[in-house]
Amino acid sequence: MQTDYAERAVERTNAPSDRPTEVLDVRELGPPGPLTETLETLPDLADEAVLVQVNDRAPRHLYPKLGDRGYAYETVADGDATLTAIWRQADEEG
């Protein structure tokens, strides 16, 4: 099931499809658990990986924190879950 979430999130967002994915299911956590758990997971994630947060709502308080840390993200509804793909943008300038 976790793999399905990752595949659907990558298929339905602009997240890079050629990167490894990890799933973080935070649906059972009360606020601010999902935000805290996600922010604590990101530093341990490989730079090329995509983290898919599975939540029961859009993590609106997380978005500005992701932007401040240099992450791109996109959220899509998926049945009874909300999937947010989070990834580091490749530096394509130069």
PDB file of N, CA and C in Angstrom:
ATOM      1  N   MET A   1       0.823  -1.197   0.000  1.00  0.00           N
ATOM      2  CA  MET A   1       0.000   0.000   0.000  1.00  0.00           C
ATOM      3  C   MET A   1       0.866   1.259   0.000  1.00  0.00           C
ATOM      4  N   GLN A   2       1.942   1.280   0.793  1.00  0.00           N
ATOM      5  CA  GLN A   2       2.822   2.441   0.829  1.00  0.00           C
ATOM      6  C   GLN A   2       3.420   2.713  -0.548  1.00  0.00           C
ATOM      7  N   THR A   3       3.826   1.658  -1.249  1.00  0.00           N
ATOM      8  CA  THR A   3       4.375   1.813  -2.589  1.00  0.00           C
ATOM      9  C   THR A   3       3.337   2.410  -3.519  1.00  0.00           C
ATOM     10  N   ASP A   4       2.086   1.995  -3.384  1.00  0.00           N
ATOM     11  CA  ASP A   4       1.015   2.550  -4.207  1.00  0.00           C
ATOM     12  C   ASP A   4       0.890   4.045  -4.000  1.00  0.00           C
ATOM     13  N   TYR A   5       0.961   4.499  -2.746  1.00  0.00           N
ATOM     14  CA  TYR A   5       0.890   5.931  -2.471  1.00  0.00           C
ATOM     15  C   TYR A   5       2.036   6.650  -3.167  1.00  0.00           C
ATOM     16  N   ALA A   6       3.228   6.115  -3.060  1.00  0.00           N
ATOM     17  CA  ALA A   6       4.393   6.750  -3.674  1.00  0.00           C
ATOM     18  C   ALA A   6       4.235   6.819  -5.185  1.00  0.00           C
ATOM     19  N   GLU A   7       3.832   5.728  -5.797  1.00  0.00           N
ATOM     20  CA  GLU A   7       3.657   5.705  -7.252  1.00  0.00           C
ATOM     21  C   GLU A   7       2.592   6.695  -7.697  1.00  0.00           C
ATOM     22  N   ARG A   8       1.468   6.718  -7.011  1.00  0.00           N
ATOM     23  CA  ARG A   8       0.386   7.627  -7.407  1.00  0.00           C
ATOM     24  C   ARG A   8       0.782   9.080  -7.207  1.00  0.00           C
ATOM     25  N   ALA A   9       1.498   9.373  -6.145  1.00  0.00           N
ATOM     26  CA  ALA A   9       1.924  10.747  -5.898  1.00  0.00           C
ATOM     27  C   ALA A   9       2.869  11.225  -6.991  1.00  0.00           C
ATOM     28  N   VAL A  10       3.818  10.388  -7.364  1.00  0.00           N
ATOM     29  CA  VAL A  10       4.777  10.776  -8.394  1.00  0.00           C
ATOM     30  C   VAL A  10       4.089  10.892  -9.758  1.00  0.00           C
ATOM     31  N   GLU A  11       3.174   9.986 -10.049  1.00  0.00           N
ATOM     32  CA  GLU A  11       2.454  10.035 -11.328  1.00  0.00           C
ATOM     33  C   GLU A  11       1.602  11.287 -11.463  1.00  0.00           C
ATOM     34  N   ARG A  12       1.030  11.757 -10.362  1.00  0.00           N
ATOM     35  CA  ARG A  12       0.045  12.832 -10.418  1.00  0.00           C
ATOM     36  C   ARG A  12       0.605  14.211 -10.060  1.00  0.00           C
ATOM     37  N   THR A  13       1.903  14.300  -9.827  1.00  0.00           N
ATOM     38  CA  THR A  13       2.532  15.577  -9.514  1.00  0.00           C
ATOM     39  C   THR A  13       3.718  15.799 -10.445  1.00  0.00           C
ATOM     40  N   ASN A  14       4.406  16.894 -10.247  1.00  0.00           N
ATOM     41  CA  ASN A  14       5.619  17.191 -11.005  1.00  0.00           C
ATOM     42  C   ASN A  14       6.872  16.648 -10.344  1.00  0.00           C
ATOM     43  N   ALA A  15       6.701  15.792  -9.340  1.00  0.00           N
ATOM     44  CA  ALA A  15       7.864  15.192  -8.671  1.00  0.00           C
ATOM     45  C   ALA A  15       8.658  14.375  -9.680  1.00  0.00           C
ATOM     46  N   PRO A  16       9.980  14.380  -9.559  1.00  0.00           N
ATOM     47  CA  PRO A  16      10.805  13.603 -10.495  1.00  0.00           C
ATOM     48  C   PRO A  16      10.488  12.113 -10.393  1.00  0.00           C
ATOM     49  N   SER A  17      10.212  11.500 -11.515  1.00  0.00           N
ATOM     50  CA  SER A  17       9.832  10.080 -11.523  1.00  0.00           C
ATOM     51  C   SER A  17      11.042   9.153 -11.553  1.00  0.00           C
ATOM     52  N   ASP A  18      12.228   9.697 -11.742  1.00  0.00           N
ATOM     53  CA  ASP A  18      13.431   8.874 -11.832  1.00  0.00           C
ATOM     54  C   ASP A  18      14.197   8.803 -10.514  1.00  0.00           C
ATOM     55  N   ARG A  19      13.575   9.242  -9.447  1.00  0.00           N
ATOM     56  CA  ARG A  19      14.232   9.242  -8.137  1.00  0.00           C
ATOM     57  C   ARG A  19      13.600   8.200  -7.215  1.00  0.00           C
ATOM     58  N   PRO A  20      14.374   7.729  -6.232  1.00  0.00           N
ATOM     59  CA  PRO A  20      13.785   6.819  -5.239  1.00  0.00           C
ATOM     60  C   PRO A  20      12.750   7.569  -4.403  1.00  0.00           C
ATOM     61  N   THR A  21      11.772   6.833  -3.875  1.00  0.00           N
ATOM     62  CA  THR A  21      10.733   7.453  -3.056  1.00  0.00           C
ATOM     63  C   THR A  21      10.691   6.811  -1.678  1.00  0.00           C
ATOM     64  N   GLU A  22      10.288   7.602  -0.714  1.00  0.00           N
ATOM     65  CA  GLU A  22      10.017   7.122   0.632  1.00  0.00           C
ATOM     66  C   GLU A  22       8.661   7.655   1.035  1.00  0.00           C
ATOM     67  N   VAL A  23       7.926   6.862   1.802  1.00  0.00           N
ATOM     68  CA  VAL A  23       6.586   7.243   2.237  1.00  0.00           C
ATOM     69  C   VAL A  23       6.587   7.480   3.736  1.00  0.00           C
ATOM     70  N   LEU A  24       5.947   8.578   4.140  1.00  0.00           N
ATOM     71  CA  LEU A  24       5.789   8.905   5.551  1.00  0.00           C
ATOM     72  C   LEU A  24       4.298   9.089   5.805  1.00  0.00           C
ATOM     73  N   ASP A  25       3.690   8.134   6.508  1.00  0.00           N
ATOM     74  CA  ASP A  25       2.258   8.183   6.794  1.00  0.00           C
ATOM     75  C   ASP A  25       2.057   8.849   8.149  1.00  0.00           C
ATOM     76  N   VAL A  26       1.445  10.039   8.130  1.00  0.00           N
ATOM     77  CA  VAL A  26       1.251  10.813   9.359  1.00  0.00           C
ATOM     78  C   VAL A  26      -0.227  10.986   9.694  1.00  0.00           C
ATOM     79  N   ARG A  27      -1.077  10.189   9.092  1.00  0.00           N
ATOM     80  CA  ARG A  27      -2.524  10.341   9.285  1.00  0.00           C
ATOM     81  C   ARG A  27      -2.967  10.144  10.721  1.00  0.00           C
ATOM     82  N   GLU A  28      -2.255   9.363  11.484  1.00  0.00           N
ATOM     83  CA  GLU A  28      -2.660   9.072  12.861  1.00  0.00           C
ATOM     84  C   GLU A  28      -2.132  10.079  13.870  1.00  0.00           C
ATOM     85  N   LEU A  29      -1.314  11.021  13.421  1.00  0.00           N
ATOM     86  CA  LEU A  29      -0.714  11.992  14.329  1.00  0.00           C
ATOM     87  C   LEU A  29      -1.579  13.242  14.436  1.00  0.00           C
ATOM     88  N   GLY A  30      -1.746  13.737  15.634  1.00  0.00           N
ATOM     89  CA  GLY A  30      -2.445  15.002  15.837  1.00  0.00           C
ATOM     90  C   GLY A  30      -1.468  16.153  15.664  1.00  0.00           C
ATOM     91  N   PRO A  31      -1.985  17.351  15.404  1.00  0.00           N
ATOM     92  CA  PRO A  31      -1.124  18.526  15.234  1.00  0.00           C
ATOM     93  C   PRO A  31      -0.293  18.765  16.493  1.00  0.00           C
ATOM     94  N   PRO A  32       0.934  19.179  16.355  1.00  0.00           N
ATOM     95  CA  PRO A  32       1.697  19.461  15.143  1.00  0.00           C
ATOM     96  C   PRO A  32       2.517  18.269  14.663  1.00  0.00           C
ATOM     97  N   GLY A  33       2.107  17.067  15.027  1.00  0.00           N
ATOM     98  CA  GLY A  33       2.858  15.852  14.701  1.00  0.00           C
ATOM     99  C   GLY A  33       3.234  15.691  13.241  1.00  0.00           C
ATOM    100  N   PRO A  34       2.291  15.836  12.303  1.00  0.00           N
ATOM    101  CA  PRO A  34       2.662  15.658  10.889  1.00  0.00           C
ATOM    102  C   PRO A  34       3.748  16.638  10.430  1.00  0.00           C
ATOM    103  N   LEU A  35       3.634  17.880  10.839  1.00  0.00           N
ATOM    104  CA  LEU A  35       4.622  18.887  10.466  1.00  0.00           C
ATOM    105  C   LEU A  35       5.981  18.541  11.069  1.00  0.00           C
ATOM    106  N   THR A  36       5.995  18.242  12.352  1.00  0.00           N
ATOM    107  CA  THR A  36       7.240  17.923  13.048  1.00  0.00           C
ATOM    108  C   THR A  36       7.896  16.675  12.479  1.00  0.00           C
ATOM    109  N   GLU A  37       7.120  15.631  12.304  1.00  0.00           N
ATOM    110  CA  GLU A  37       7.655  14.360  11.792  1.00  0.00           C
ATOM    111  C   GLU A  37       8.249  14.536  10.396  1.00  0.00           C
ATOM    112  N   THR A  38       7.570  15.294   9.554  1.00  0.00           N
ATOM    113  CA  THR A  38       8.055  15.517   8.198  1.00  0.00           C
ATOM    114  C   THR A  38       9.348  16.312   8.212  1.00  0.00           C
ATOM    115  N   LEU A  39       9.390  17.395   8.972  1.00  0.00           N
ATOM    116  CA  LEU A  39      10.600  18.219   9.029  1.00  0.00           C
ATOM    117  C   LEU A  39      11.771  17.465   9.645  1.00  0.00           C
ATOM    118  N   GLU A  40      11.500  16.546  10.565  1.00  0.00           N
ATOM    119  CA  GLU A  40      12.582  15.750  11.157  1.00  0.00           C
ATOM    120  C   GLU A  40      13.061  14.652  10.212  1.00  0.00           C
ATOM    121  N   THR A  41      12.212  14.210   9.301  1.00  0.00           N
ATOM    122  CA  THR A  41      12.572  13.152   8.346  1.00  0.00           C
ATOM    123  C   THR A  41      13.417  13.689   7.199  1.00  0.00           C
ATOM    124  N   LEU A  42      13.138  14.901   6.756  1.00  0.00           N
ATOM    125  CA  LEU A  42      13.800  15.440   5.562  1.00  0.00           C
ATOM    126  C   LEU A  42      15.326  15.484   5.636  1.00  0.00           C
ATOM    127  N   PRO A  43      15.955  15.895   6.750  1.00  0.00           N
ATOM    128  CA  PRO A  43      17.418  15.936   6.774  1.00  0.00           C
ATOM    129  C   PRO A  43      18.065  14.560   6.598  1.00  0.00           C
ATOM    130  N   ASP A  44      17.367  13.498   6.964  1.00  0.00           N
ATOM    131  CA  ASP A  44      17.914  12.151   6.843  1.00  0.00           C
ATOM    132  C   ASP A  44      17.664  11.541   5.461  1.00  0.00           C
ATOM    133  N   LEU A  45      16.900  12.223   4.648  1.00  0.00           N
ATOM    134  CA  LEU A  45      16.546  11.739   3.319  1.00  0.00           C
ATOM    135  C   LEU A  45      17.667  12.068   2.338  1.00  0.00           C
ATOM    136  N   ALA A  46      17.979  11.134   1.458  1.00  0.00           N
ATOM    137  CA  ALA A  46      18.980  11.410   0.422  1.00  0.00           C
ATOM    138  C   ALA A  46      18.506  12.581  -0.433  1.00  0.00           C
ATOM    139  N   ASP A  47      19.444  13.424  -0.868  1.00  0.00           N
ATOM    140  CA  ASP A  47      19.088  14.619  -1.647  1.00  0.00           C
ATOM    141  C   ASP A  47      18.287  14.296  -2.897  1.00  0.00           C
ATOM    142  N   GLU A  48      18.514  13.139  -3.492  1.00  0.00           N
ATOM    143  CA  GLU A  48      17.819  12.805  -4.739  1.00  0.00           C
ATOM    144  C   GLU A  48      16.473  12.109  -4.507  1.00  0.00           C
ATOM    145  N   ALA A  49      16.130  11.820  -3.278  1.00  0.00           N
ATOM    146  CA  ALA A  49      14.894  11.086  -2.989  1.00  0.00           C
ATOM    147  C   ALA A  49      13.677  12.014  -2.964  1.00  0.00           C
ATOM    148  N   VAL A  50      12.519  11.404  -3.173  1.00  0.00           N
ATOM    149  CA  VAL A  50      11.233  12.091  -3.067  1.00  0.00           C
ATOM    150  C   VAL A  50      10.531  11.521  -1.842  1.00  0.00           C
ATOM    151  N   LEU A  51      10.118  12.399  -0.937  1.00  0.00           N
ATOM    152  CA  LEU A  51       9.349  11.981   0.225  1.00  0.00           C
ATOM    153  C   LEU A  51       7.878  12.193  -0.077  1.00  0.00           C
ATOM    154  N   VAL A  52       7.071  11.168   0.145  1.00  0.00           N
ATOM    155  CA  VAL A  52       5.626  11.287  -0.040  1.00  0.00           C
ATOM    156  C   VAL A  52       4.989  11.240   1.340  1.00  0.00           C
ATOM    157  N   GLN A  53       4.435  12.371   1.740  1.00  0.00           N
ATOM    158  CA  GLN A  53       3.728  12.448   3.016  1.00  0.00           C
ATOM    159  C   GLN A  53       2.277  12.053   2.769  1.00  0.00           C
ATOM    160  N   VAL A  54       1.788  11.077   3.533  1.00  0.00           N
ATOM    161  CA  VAL A  54       0.393  10.650   3.469  1.00  0.00           C
ATOM    162  C   VAL A  54      -0.303  11.256   4.674  1.00  0.00           C
ATOM    163  N   ASN A  55      -1.315  12.078   4.425  1.00  0.00           N
ATOM    164  CA  ASN A  55      -1.981  12.801   5.496  1.00  0.00           C
ATOM    165  C   ASN A  55      -3.483  12.734   5.259  1.00  0.00           C
ATOM    166  N   ASP A  56      -4.263  13.205   6.216  1.00  0.00           N
ATOM    167  CA  ASP A  56      -5.707  13.250   6.037  1.00  0.00           C
ATOM    168  C   ASP A  56      -6.168  14.630   5.594  1.00  0.00           C
ATOM    169  N   ARG A  57      -5.217  15.546   5.410  1.00  0.00           N
ATOM    170  CA  ARG A  57      -5.529  16.908   4.951  1.00  0.00           C
ATOM    171  C   ARG A  57      -4.272  17.503   4.320  1.00  0.00           C
ATOM    172  N   ALA A  58      -4.447  18.580   3.585  1.00  0.00           N
ATOM    173  CA  ALA A  58      -3.297  19.283   3.012  1.00  0.00           C
ATOM    174  C   ALA A  58      -2.484  19.920   4.140  1.00  0.00           C
ATOM    175  N   PRO A  59      -1.174  19.718   4.145  1.00  0.00           N
ATOM    176  CA  PRO A  59      -0.335  20.240   5.230  1.00  0.00           C
ATOM    177  C   PRO A  59       0.052  21.709   5.008  1.00  0.00           C
ATOM    178  N   ARG A  60      -0.918  22.589   5.071  1.00  0.00           N
ATOM    179  CA  ARG A  60      -0.721  24.003   4.720  1.00  0.00           C
ATOM    180  C   ARG A  60       0.366  24.706   5.547  1.00  0.00           C
ATOM    181  N   HIS A  61       0.518  24.333   6.798  1.00  0.00           N
ATOM    182  CA  HIS A  61       1.545  24.961   7.630  1.00  0.00           C
ATOM    183  C   HIS A  61       2.946  24.471   7.272  1.00  0.00           C
ATOM    184  N   LEU A  62       3.018  23.340   6.574  1.00  0.00           N
ATOM    185  CA  LEU A  62       4.302  22.788   6.157  1.00  0.00           C
ATOM    186  C   LEU A  62       4.863  23.511   4.934  1.00  0.00           C
ATOM    187  N   TYR A  63       4.002  23.970   4.050  1.00  0.00           N
ATOM    188  CA  TYR A  63       4.442  24.534   2.772  1.00  0.00           C
ATOM    189  C   TYR A  63       5.490  25.642   2.905  1.00  0.00           C
ATOM    190  N   PRO A  64       5.261  26.668   3.725  1.00  0.00           N
ATOM    191  CA  PRO A  64       6.284  27.721   3.798  1.00  0.00           C
ATOM    192  C   PRO A  64       7.614  27.218   4.359  1.00  0.00           C
ATOM    193  N   LYS A  65       7.557  26.259   5.255  1.00  0.00           N
ATOM    194  CA  LYS A  65       8.779  25.704   5.827  1.00  0.00           C
ATOM    195  C   LYS A  65       9.565  24.909   4.779  1.00  0.00           C
ATOM    196  N   LEU A  66       8.860  24.230   3.894  1.00  0.00           N
ATOM    197  CA  LEU A  66       9.530  23.503   2.818  1.00  0.00           C
ATOM    198  C   LEU A  66      10.217  24.471   1.865  1.00  0.00           C
ATOM    199  N   GLY A  67       9.500  25.522   1.488  1.00  0.00           N
ATOM    200  CA  GLY A  67      10.071  26.525   0.590  1.00  0.00           C
ATOM    201  C   GLY A  67      11.313  27.168   1.187  1.00  0.00           C
ATOM    202  N   ASP A  68      11.265  27.474   2.490  1.00  0.00           N
ATOM    203  CA  ASP A  68      12.411  28.077   3.170  1.00  0.00           C
ATOM    204  C   ASP A  68      13.621  27.151   3.166  1.00  0.00           C
ATOM    205  N   ARG A  69      13.388  25.853   3.110  1.00  0.00           N
ATOM    206  CA  ARG A  69      14.475  24.863   3.161  1.00  0.00           C
ATOM    207  C   ARG A  69      14.898  24.396   1.768  1.00  0.00           C
ATOM    208  N   GLY A  70      14.323  24.972   0.715  1.00  0.00           N
ATOM    209  CA  GLY A  70      14.746  24.643  -0.642  1.00  0.00           C
ATOM    210  C   GLY A  70      14.072  23.430  -1.252  1.00  0.00           C
ATOM    211  N   TYR A  71      12.920  23.038  -0.728  1.00  0.00           N
ATOM    212  CA  TYR A  71      12.198  21.894  -1.267  1.00  0.00           C
ATOM    213  C   TYR A  71      11.063  22.359  -2.171  1.00  0.00           C
ATOM    214  N   ALA A  72      10.827  21.591  -3.208  1.00  0.00           N
ATOM    215  CA  ALA A  72       9.634  21.752  -4.029  1.00  0.00           C
ATOM    216  C   ALA A  72       8.618  20.751  -3.494  1.00  0.00           C
ATOM    217  N   TYR A  73       7.345  21.021  -3.739  1.00  0.00           N
ATOM    218  CA  TYR A  73       6.307  20.121  -3.231  1.00  0.00           C
ATOM    219  C   TYR A  73       5.054  20.295  -4.065  1.00  0.00           C
ATOM    220  N   GLU A  74       4.234  19.269  -4.023  1.00  0.00           N
ATOM    221  CA  GLU A  74       2.924  19.322  -4.667  1.00  0.00           C
ATOM    222  C   GLU A  74       2.008  18.343  -3.951  1.00  0.00           C
ATOM    223  N   THR A  75       0.768  18.765  -3.726  1.00  0.00           N
ATOM    224  CA  THR A  75      -0.208  17.968  -2.991  1.00  0.00           C
ATOM    225  C   THR A  75      -1.365  17.593  -3.894  1.00  0.00           C
ATOM    226  N   VAL A  76      -1.801  16.331  -3.787  1.00  0.00           N
ATOM    227  CA  VAL A  76      -2.967  15.853  -4.531  1.00  0.00           C
ATOM    228  C   VAL A  76      -3.851  15.030  -3.600  1.00  0.00           C
ATOM    229  N   ALA A  77      -5.157  15.107  -3.839  1.00  0.00           N
ATOM    230  CA  ALA A  77      -6.103  14.267  -3.100  1.00  0.00           C
ATOM    231  C   ALA A  77      -6.086  12.875  -3.717  1.00  0.00           C
ATOM    232  N   ASP A  78      -6.189  11.868  -2.865  1.00  0.00           N
ATOM    233  CA  ASP A  78      -6.163  10.482  -3.331  1.00  0.00           C
ATOM    234  C   ASP A  78      -7.116   9.665  -2.458  1.00  0.00           C
ATOM    235  N   GLY A  79      -8.393   9.660  -2.820  1.00  0.00           N
ATOM    236  CA  GLY A  79      -9.382   8.942  -2.021  1.00  0.00           C
ATOM    237  C   GLY A  79      -9.480   9.550  -0.634  1.00  0.00           C
ATOM    238  N   ASP A  80      -9.246   8.730   0.390  1.00  0.00           N
ATOM    239  CA  ASP A  80      -9.340   9.216   1.767  1.00  0.00           C
ATOM    240  C   ASP A  80      -8.014   9.769   2.286  1.00  0.00           C
ATOM    241  N   ALA A  81      -7.020   9.892   1.430  1.00  0.00           N
ATOM    242  CA  ALA A  81      -5.710  10.404   1.828  1.00  0.00           C
ATOM    243  C   ALA A  81      -5.354  11.635   0.997  1.00  0.00           C
ATOM    244  N   THR A  82      -4.454  12.423   1.537  1.00  0.00           N
ATOM    245  CA  THR A  82      -3.876  13.548   0.821  1.00  0.00           C
ATOM    246  C   THR A  82      -2.386  13.269   0.711  1.00  0.00           C
ATOM    247  N   LEU A  83      -1.877  13.284  -0.510  1.00  0.00           N
ATOM    248  CA  LEU A  83      -0.484  12.946  -0.767  1.00  0.00           C
ATOM    249  C   LEU A  83       0.289  14.205  -1.113  1.00  0.00           C
ATOM    250  N   THR A  84       1.387  14.420  -0.415  1.00  0.00           N
ATOM    251  CA  THR A  84       2.265  15.548  -0.721  1.00  0.00           C
ATOM    252  C   THR A  84       3.633  14.994  -1.083  1.00  0.00           C
ATOM    253  N   ALA A  85       4.011  15.203  -2.339  1.00  0.00           N
ATOM    254  CA  ALA A  85       5.347  14.822  -2.802  1.00  0.00           C
ATOM    255  C   ALA A  85       6.284  15.978  -2.496  1.00  0.00           C
ATOM    256  N   ILE A  86       7.433  15.661  -1.910  1.00  0.00           N
ATOM    257  CA  ILE A  86       8.408  16.670  -1.492  1.00  0.00           C
ATOM    258  C   ILE A  86       9.765  16.245  -2.049  1.00  0.00           C
ATOM    259  N   TRP A  87      10.445  17.173  -2.722  1.00  0.00           N
ATOM    260  CA  TRP A  87      11.736  16.828  -3.306  1.00  0.00           C
ATOM    261  C   TRP A  87      12.616  18.069  -3.389  1.00  0.00           C
ATOM    262  N   ARG A  88      13.918  17.813  -3.426  1.00  0.00           N
ATOM    263  CA  ARG A  88      14.879  18.901  -3.650  1.00  0.00           C
ATOM    264  C   ARG A  88      14.935  19.161  -5.137  1.00  0.00           C
ATOM    265  N   GLN A  89      14.903  20.429  -5.490  1.00  0.00           N
ATOM    266  CA  GLN A  89      14.996  20.797  -6.896  1.00  0.00           C
ATOM    267  C   GLN A  89      16.446  20.654  -7.337  1.00  0.00           C
ATOM    268  N   ALA A  90      16.627  20.094  -8.521  1.00  0.00           N
ATOM    269  CA  ALA A  90      17.961  19.987  -9.092  1.00  0.00           C
ATOM    270  C   ALA A  90      18.417  21.384  -9.507  1.00  0.00           C
ATOM    271  N   ASP A  91      19.676  21.672  -9.297  1.00  0.00           N
ATOM    272  CA  ASP A  91      20.210  22.965  -9.709  1.00  0.00           C
ATOM    273  C   ASP A  91      20.519  22.881 -11.195  1.00  0.00           C
ATOM    274  N   GLU A  92      19.623  23.435 -11.994  1.00  0.00           N
ATOM    275  CA  GLU A  92      19.755  23.332 -13.451  1.00  0.00           C
ATOM    276  C   GLU A  92      20.341  24.595 -14.056  1.00  0.00           C
ATOM    277  N   GLU A  93      20.736  25.548 -13.227  1.00  0.00           N
ATOM    278  CA  GLU A  93      21.331  26.772 -13.757  1.00  0.00           C
ATOM    279  C   GLU A  93      22.811  26.540 -14.002  1.00  0.00           C
ATOM    280  N   GLY A  94      23.356  27.294 -14.924  1.00  0.00           N
ATOM    281  CA  GLY A  94      24.782  27.217 -15.073  1.00  0.00           C
ATOM    282  C   GLY A  94      25.132  27.143 -16.462  1.00  0.00           C
TER     283      GLY A  94
END
